[in-house]
Amino acid sequence: MIMKKYTLFIALFLFAITAFGQTKIGYANLEFILRSLPEAQQMNREIEDYSKVLNEQIVAKQGYYQSLLEDYYDKQQQGFAESLLTSMRDQIVSLEQEIQIDAANADAKLSALSAQKLEPITAKIIEAVNTVYEEEGYTYIFNSADGTGNSIVLKGPEADNLTFRILEKLGVEPEE
């Protein structure tokens, strides 16, 4: 009975070693891949341009707000009627709220545009990762960075760095 348990244990142990020996692990820097894609670079330019347009609109309203404020103070010092000053204060407060809403909406619009533009690029990268995974028989492919630029893979064989093979599948020659 004891011999049977040991035989079973040894068989399971050998199976585990064999299974582990067949595991093929690769890694890639997806952030680098994304930055290397012309579509991502174009996306960044479009988002930056749109951000400038939204910012210019907000700055224009802020300039108008500032001129209304100065006009209000001038009229207040000159002793204009309280009804006019109240109307001007209401307009100033309303414009101030509008500027705050516009600023919040600008952030939301930029996030939505970024997500919309990033979706097909991400799908393209995932397709290339899957192709490398299947063609080269990998069991796992890990992202070698955490999204903030910090490396997750501390050490690994360079042969298992799939970054450039994935870029090749994407048809991109990166600048190293």
C-alpha atoms as a PDB file:
ATOM      1  CA  MET A   1       0.000   0.000   0.000  1.00  0.00           C
ATOM      2  CA  ILE A   2       2.774   2.438   0.931  1.00  0.00           C
ATOM      3  CA  MET A   3       4.687   1.526  -2.194  1.00  0.00           C
ATOM      4  CA  LYS A   4       1.574   2.206  -4.280  1.00  0.00           C
ATOM      5  CA  LYS A   5       1.238   5.709  -2.723  1.00  0.00           C
ATOM      6  CA  TYR A   6       4.891   6.484  -3.426  1.00  0.00           C
ATOM      7  CA  THR A   7       4.556   5.242  -6.988  1.00  0.00           C
ATOM      8  CA  LEU A   8       1.490   7.431  -7.489  1.00  0.00           C
ATOM      9  CA  PHE A   9       3.284  10.411  -5.893  1.00  0.00           C
ATOM     10  CA  ILE A  10       6.349   9.919  -8.090  1.00  0.00           C
ATOM     11  CA  ALA A  11       4.164   9.567 -11.192  1.00  0.00           C
ATOM     12  CA  LEU A  12       2.306  12.806 -10.365  1.00  0.00           C
ATOM     13  CA  PHE A  13       5.600  14.561  -9.618  1.00  0.00           C
ATOM     14  CA  LEU A  14       7.089  13.473 -12.947  1.00  0.00           C
ATOM     15  CA  PHE A  15       3.906  14.520 -14.749  1.00  0.00           C
ATOM     16  CA  ALA A  16       4.119  17.953 -13.117  1.00  0.00           C
ATOM     17  CA  ILE A  17       7.755  18.355 -14.134  1.00  0.00           C
ATOM     18  CA  THR A  18       6.931  17.280 -17.698  1.00  0.00           C
ATOM     19  CA  ALA A  19       3.978  19.647 -17.876  1.00  0.00           C
ATOM     20  CA  PHE A  20       6.052  22.510 -16.498  1.00  0.00           C
ATOM     21  CA  GLY A  21       8.842  21.769 -18.969  1.00  0.00           C
ATOM     22  CA  GLN A  22       6.376  22.240 -21.827  1.00  0.00           C
ATOM     23  CA  THR A  23       5.221  25.620 -20.638  1.00  0.00           C
ATOM     24  CA  LYS A  24       6.401  28.317 -23.008  1.00  0.00           C
ATOM     25  CA  ILE A  25       6.259  31.823 -21.590  1.00  0.00           C
ATOM     26  CA  GLY A  26       6.785  34.996 -23.560  1.00  0.00           C
ATOM     27  CA  TYR A  27       6.546  38.674 -22.776  1.00  0.00           C
ATOM     28  CA  ALA A  28       6.058  41.882 -24.714  1.00  0.00           C
ATOM     29  CA  ASN A  29       6.032  45.572 -23.930  1.00  0.00           C
ATOM     30  CA  LEU A  30       2.544  46.530 -25.076  1.00  0.00           C
ATOM     31  CA  GLU A  31       3.105  50.188 -24.236  1.00  0.00           C
ATOM     32  CA  PHE A  32       6.103  50.262 -26.591  1.00  0.00           C
ATOM     33  CA  ILE A  33       4.078  48.445 -29.260  1.00  0.00           C
ATOM     34  CA  LEU A  34       1.252  50.955 -28.936  1.00  0.00           C
ATOM     35  CA  ARG A  35       3.628  53.936 -29.143  1.00  0.00           C
ATOM     36  CA  SER A  36       5.247  52.418 -32.247  1.00  0.00           C
ATOM     37  CA  LEU A  37       2.015  52.118 -34.230  1.00  0.00           C
ATOM     38  CA  PRO A  38       1.384  54.915 -36.742  1.00  0.00           C
ATOM     39  CA  GLU A  39      -2.349  54.685 -35.967  1.00  0.00           C
ATOM     40  CA  ALA A  40      -1.673  55.392 -32.298  1.00  0.00           C
ATOM     41  CA  GLN A  41       0.572  58.314 -33.156  1.00  0.00           C
ATOM     42  CA  GLN A  42      -2.161  59.699 -35.449  1.00  0.00           C
ATOM     43  CA  MET A  43      -4.724  59.142 -32.682  1.00  0.00           C
ATOM     44  CA  ASN A  44      -2.572  61.128 -30.244  1.00  0.00           C
ATOM     45  CA  ARG A  45      -2.283  64.012 -32.721  1.00  0.00           C
ATOM     46  CA  GLU A  46      -6.047  64.046 -33.306  1.00  0.00           C
ATOM     47  CA  ILE A  47      -6.778  64.011 -29.583  1.00  0.00           C
ATOM     48  CA  GLU A  48      -4.236  66.765 -29.001  1.00  0.00           C
ATOM     49  CA  ASP A  49      -5.774  68.884 -31.797  1.00  0.00           C
ATOM     50  CA  TYR A  50      -9.284  68.344 -30.420  1.00  0.00           C
ATOM     51  CA  SER A  51      -8.044  69.209 -26.934  1.00  0.00           C
ATOM     52  CA  LYS A  52      -6.642  72.485 -28.272  1.00  0.00           C
ATOM     53  CA  VAL A  53      -9.978  73.339 -29.923  1.00  0.00           C
ATOM     54  CA  LEU A  54     -11.892  72.649 -26.705  1.00  0.00           C
ATOM     55  CA  ASN A  55      -9.349  74.601 -24.683  1.00  0.00           C
ATOM     56  CA  GLU A  56      -9.533  77.574 -27.054  1.00  0.00           C
ATOM     57  CA  GLN A  57     -13.312  77.643 -26.644  1.00  0.00           C
ATOM     58  CA  ILE A  58     -12.971  77.655 -22.861  1.00  0.00           C
ATOM     59  CA  VAL A  59     -10.263  80.326 -22.964  1.00  0.00           C
ATOM     60  CA  ALA A  60     -12.482  82.499 -25.181  1.00  0.00           C
ATOM     61  CA  LYS A  61     -15.336  82.200 -22.680  1.00  0.00           C
ATOM     62  CA  GLN A  62     -12.944  83.003 -19.843  1.00  0.00           C
ATOM     63  CA  GLY A  63     -11.854  86.131 -21.710  1.00  0.00           C
ATOM     64  CA  TYR A  64     -15.473  87.155 -22.163  1.00  0.00           C
ATOM     65  CA  TYR A  65     -16.105  86.367 -18.475  1.00  0.00           C
ATOM     66  CA  GLN A  66     -13.175  88.574 -17.477  1.00  0.00           C
ATOM     67  CA  SER A  67     -14.434  91.455 -19.632  1.00  0.00           C
ATOM     68  CA  LEU A  68     -17.928  91.137 -18.103  1.00  0.00           C
ATOM     69  CA  LEU A  69     -16.415  91.179 -14.637  1.00  0.00           C
ATOM     70  CA  GLU A  70     -14.370  94.295 -15.383  1.00  0.00           C
ATOM     71  CA  ASP A  71     -17.425  95.971 -16.921  1.00  0.00           C
ATOM     72  CA  TYR A  72     -19.455  95.086 -13.832  1.00  0.00           C
ATOM     73  CA  TYR A  73     -16.871  96.622 -11.475  1.00  0.00           C
ATOM     74  CA  ASP A  74     -16.649  99.769 -13.606  1.00  0.00           C
ATOM     75  CA  LYS A  75     -20.427 100.192 -13.616  1.00  0.00           C
ATOM     76  CA  GLN A  76     -20.569  99.476  -9.897  1.00  0.00           C
ATOM     77  CA  GLN A  77     -17.993 102.183  -9.182  1.00  0.00           C
ATOM     78  CA  GLN A  78     -19.844 104.619 -11.428  1.00  0.00           C
ATOM     79  CA  GLY A  79     -23.009 104.033  -9.422  1.00  0.00           C
ATOM     80  CA  PHE A  80     -25.219 102.376 -12.016  1.00  0.00           C
ATOM     81  CA  ALA A  81     -28.656 101.172 -10.956  1.00  0.00           C
ATOM     82  CA  GLU A  82     -28.833  98.083  -8.739  1.00  0.00           C
ATOM     83  CA  SER A  83     -31.203  96.359 -11.167  1.00  0.00           C
ATOM     84  CA  LEU A  84     -28.563  96.567 -13.939  1.00  0.00           C
ATOM     85  CA  LEU A  85     -25.821  95.364 -11.587  1.00  0.00           C
ATOM     86  CA  THR A  86     -27.979  92.442 -10.431  1.00  0.00           C
ATOM     87  CA  SER A  87     -28.628  91.473 -14.033  1.00  0.00           C
ATOM     88  CA  MET A  88     -24.896  91.644 -14.768  1.00  0.00           C
ATOM     89  CA  ARG A  89     -24.057  89.551 -11.662  1.00  0.00           C
ATOM     90  CA  ASP A  90     -26.554  86.902 -12.778  1.00  0.00           C
ATOM     91  CA  GLN A  91     -24.981  86.842 -16.238  1.00  0.00           C
ATOM     92  CA  ILE A  92     -21.476  86.560 -14.725  1.00  0.00           C
ATOM     93  CA  VAL A  93     -22.495  83.716 -12.392  1.00  0.00           C
ATOM     94  CA  SER A  94     -24.239  81.915 -15.243  1.00  0.00           C
ATOM     95  CA  LEU A  95     -21.178  82.255 -17.485  1.00  0.00           C
ATOM     96  CA  GLU A  96     -18.894  81.051 -14.691  1.00  0.00           C
ATOM     97  CA  GLN A  97     -21.031  77.915 -14.275  1.00  0.00           C
ATOM     98  CA  GLU A  98     -21.072  77.419 -18.037  1.00  0.00           C
ATOM     99  CA  ILE A  99     -17.265  77.551 -18.116  1.00  0.00           C
ATOM    100  CA  GLN A 100     -17.047  74.952 -15.337  1.00  0.00           C
ATOM    101  CA  ILE A 101     -19.486  72.681 -17.187  1.00  0.00           C
ATOM    102  CA  ASP A 102     -17.577  73.155 -20.442  1.00  0.00           C
ATOM    103  CA  ALA A 103     -14.311  72.191 -18.716  1.00  0.00           C
ATOM    104  CA  ALA A 104     -15.879  69.033 -17.274  1.00  0.00           C
ATOM    105  CA  ASN A 105     -17.489  68.191 -20.625  1.00  0.00           C
ATOM    106  CA  ALA A 106     -14.164  68.701 -22.399  1.00  0.00           C
ATOM    107  CA  ASP A 107     -12.560  66.034 -20.213  1.00  0.00           C
ATOM    108  CA  ALA A 108     -15.449  63.653 -20.895  1.00  0.00           C
ATOM    109  CA  LYS A 109     -15.319  64.358 -24.650  1.00  0.00           C
ATOM    110  CA  LEU A 110     -11.573  63.722 -24.749  1.00  0.00           C
ATOM    111  CA  SER A 111     -11.959  60.463 -22.815  1.00  0.00           C
ATOM    112  CA  ALA A 112     -14.735  59.295 -25.140  1.00  0.00           C
ATOM    113  CA  LEU A 113     -12.743  60.193 -28.257  1.00  0.00           C
ATOM    114  CA  SER A 114      -9.673  58.439 -26.880  1.00  0.00           C
ATOM    115  CA  ALA A 115     -11.639  55.273 -26.077  1.00  0.00           C
ATOM    116  CA  GLN A 116     -13.296  55.313 -29.508  1.00  0.00           C
ATOM    117  CA  LYS A 117     -10.002  55.726 -31.355  1.00  0.00           C
ATOM    118  CA  LEU A 118      -8.106  53.268 -29.141  1.00  0.00           C
ATOM    119  CA  GLU A 119     -10.570  50.391 -29.552  1.00  0.00           C
ATOM    120  CA  PRO A 120      -9.619  49.336 -33.115  1.00  0.00           C
ATOM    121  CA  ILE A 121      -5.915  49.822 -32.355  1.00  0.00           C
ATOM    122  CA  THR A 122      -6.172  47.601 -29.285  1.00  0.00           C
ATOM    123  CA  ALA A 123      -8.070  44.970 -31.273  1.00  0.00           C
ATOM    124  CA  LYS A 124      -5.295  45.000 -33.881  1.00  0.00           C
ATOM    125  CA  ILE A 125      -2.617  44.515 -31.199  1.00  0.00           C
ATOM    126  CA  ILE A 126      -4.575  41.674 -29.564  1.00  0.00           C
ATOM    127  CA  GLU A 127      -4.925  39.974 -32.949  1.00  0.00           C
ATOM    128  CA  ALA A 128      -1.147  40.176 -33.493  1.00  0.00           C
ATOM    129  CA  VAL A 129      -0.467  38.846 -29.970  1.00  0.00           C
ATOM    130  CA  ASN A 130      -2.850  35.941 -30.621  1.00  0.00           C
ATOM    131  CA  THR A 131      -1.141  35.199 -33.932  1.00  0.00           C
ATOM    132  CA  VAL A 132       2.313  35.052 -32.315  1.00  0.00           C
ATOM    133  CA  TYR A 133       0.863  33.008 -29.449  1.00  0.00           C
ATOM    134  CA  GLU A 134      -0.586  30.401 -31.807  1.00  0.00           C
ATOM    135  CA  GLU A 135       2.187  30.315 -34.414  1.00  0.00           C
ATOM    136  CA  GLU A 136       4.992  29.986 -31.898  1.00  0.00           C
ATOM    137  CA  GLY A 137       3.214  27.742 -29.394  1.00  0.00           C
ATOM    138  CA  TYR A 138       3.322  29.959 -26.335  1.00  0.00           C
ATOM    139  CA  THR A 139       1.414  28.932 -23.226  1.00  0.00           C
ATOM    140  CA  TYR A 140       1.488  32.447 -21.763  1.00  0.00           C
ATOM    141  CA  ILE A 141       2.367  35.890 -23.043  1.00  0.00           C
ATOM    142  CA  PHE A 142       2.699  38.568 -20.379  1.00  0.00           C
ATOM    143  CA  ASN A 143       2.831  42.331 -20.708  1.00  0.00           C
ATOM    144  CA  SER A 144       6.326  43.286 -19.582  1.00  0.00           C
ATOM    145  CA  ALA A 145       5.269  46.722 -18.289  1.00  0.00           C
ATOM    146  CA  ASP A 146       2.520  47.806 -15.916  1.00  0.00           C
ATOM    147  CA  GLY A 147       1.089  50.731 -17.869  1.00  0.00           C
ATOM    148  CA  THR A 148       3.056  53.352 -15.976  1.00  0.00           C
ATOM    149  CA  GLY A 149       6.318  52.438 -17.688  1.00  0.00           C
ATOM    150  CA  ASN A 150       7.593  50.247 -14.866  1.00  0.00           C
ATOM    151  CA  SER A 151       8.889  46.857 -15.906  1.00  0.00           C
ATOM    152  CA  ILE A 152       7.150  43.785 -14.524  1.00  0.00           C
ATOM    153  CA  VAL A 153       9.536  41.252 -16.055  1.00  0.00           C
ATOM    154  CA  LEU A 154      12.711  41.578 -14.036  1.00  0.00           C
ATOM    155  CA  LYS A 155      14.695  39.076 -16.035  1.00  0.00           C
ATOM    156  CA  GLY A 156      13.870  36.767 -18.892  1.00  0.00           C
ATOM    157  CA  PRO A 157      15.464  35.273 -21.959  1.00  0.00           C
ATOM    158  CA  GLU A 158      15.606  37.796 -24.769  1.00  0.00           C
ATOM    159  CA  ALA A 159      14.391  35.042 -27.107  1.00  0.00           C
ATOM    160  CA  ASP A 160      11.048  35.183 -25.281  1.00  0.00           C
ATOM    161  CA  ASN A 161      10.729  38.956 -25.675  1.00  0.00           C
ATOM    162  CA  LEU A 162       8.006  39.017 -28.298  1.00  0.00           C
ATOM    163  CA  THR A 163       7.734  42.798 -28.630  1.00  0.00           C
ATOM    164  CA  PHE A 164       9.453  43.004 -31.999  1.00  0.00           C
ATOM    165  CA  ARG A 165       7.786  39.851 -33.371  1.00  0.00           C
ATOM    166  CA  ILE A 166       4.381  41.328 -32.535  1.00  0.00           C
ATOM    167  CA  LEU A 167       5.363  44.611 -34.185  1.00  0.00           C
ATOM    168  CA  GLU A 168       6.456  42.612 -37.226  1.00  0.00           C
ATOM    169  CA  LYS A 169       3.007  40.982 -37.373  1.00  0.00           C
ATOM    170  CA  LEU A 170       1.558  44.499 -37.243  1.00  0.00           C
ATOM    171  CA  GLY A 171       3.762  45.523 -40.166  1.00  0.00           C
ATOM    172  CA  VAL A 172       5.716  48.072 -38.139  1.00  0.00           C
ATOM    173  CA  GLU A 173       9.470  48.558 -37.976  1.00  0.00           C
ATOM    174  CA  PRO A 174      10.080  50.301 -34.668  1.00  0.00           C
ATOM    175  CA  GLU A 175      12.672  52.914 -33.929  1.00  0.00           C
ATOM    176  CA  GLU A 176      14.774  51.310 -31.232  1.00  0.00           C
END
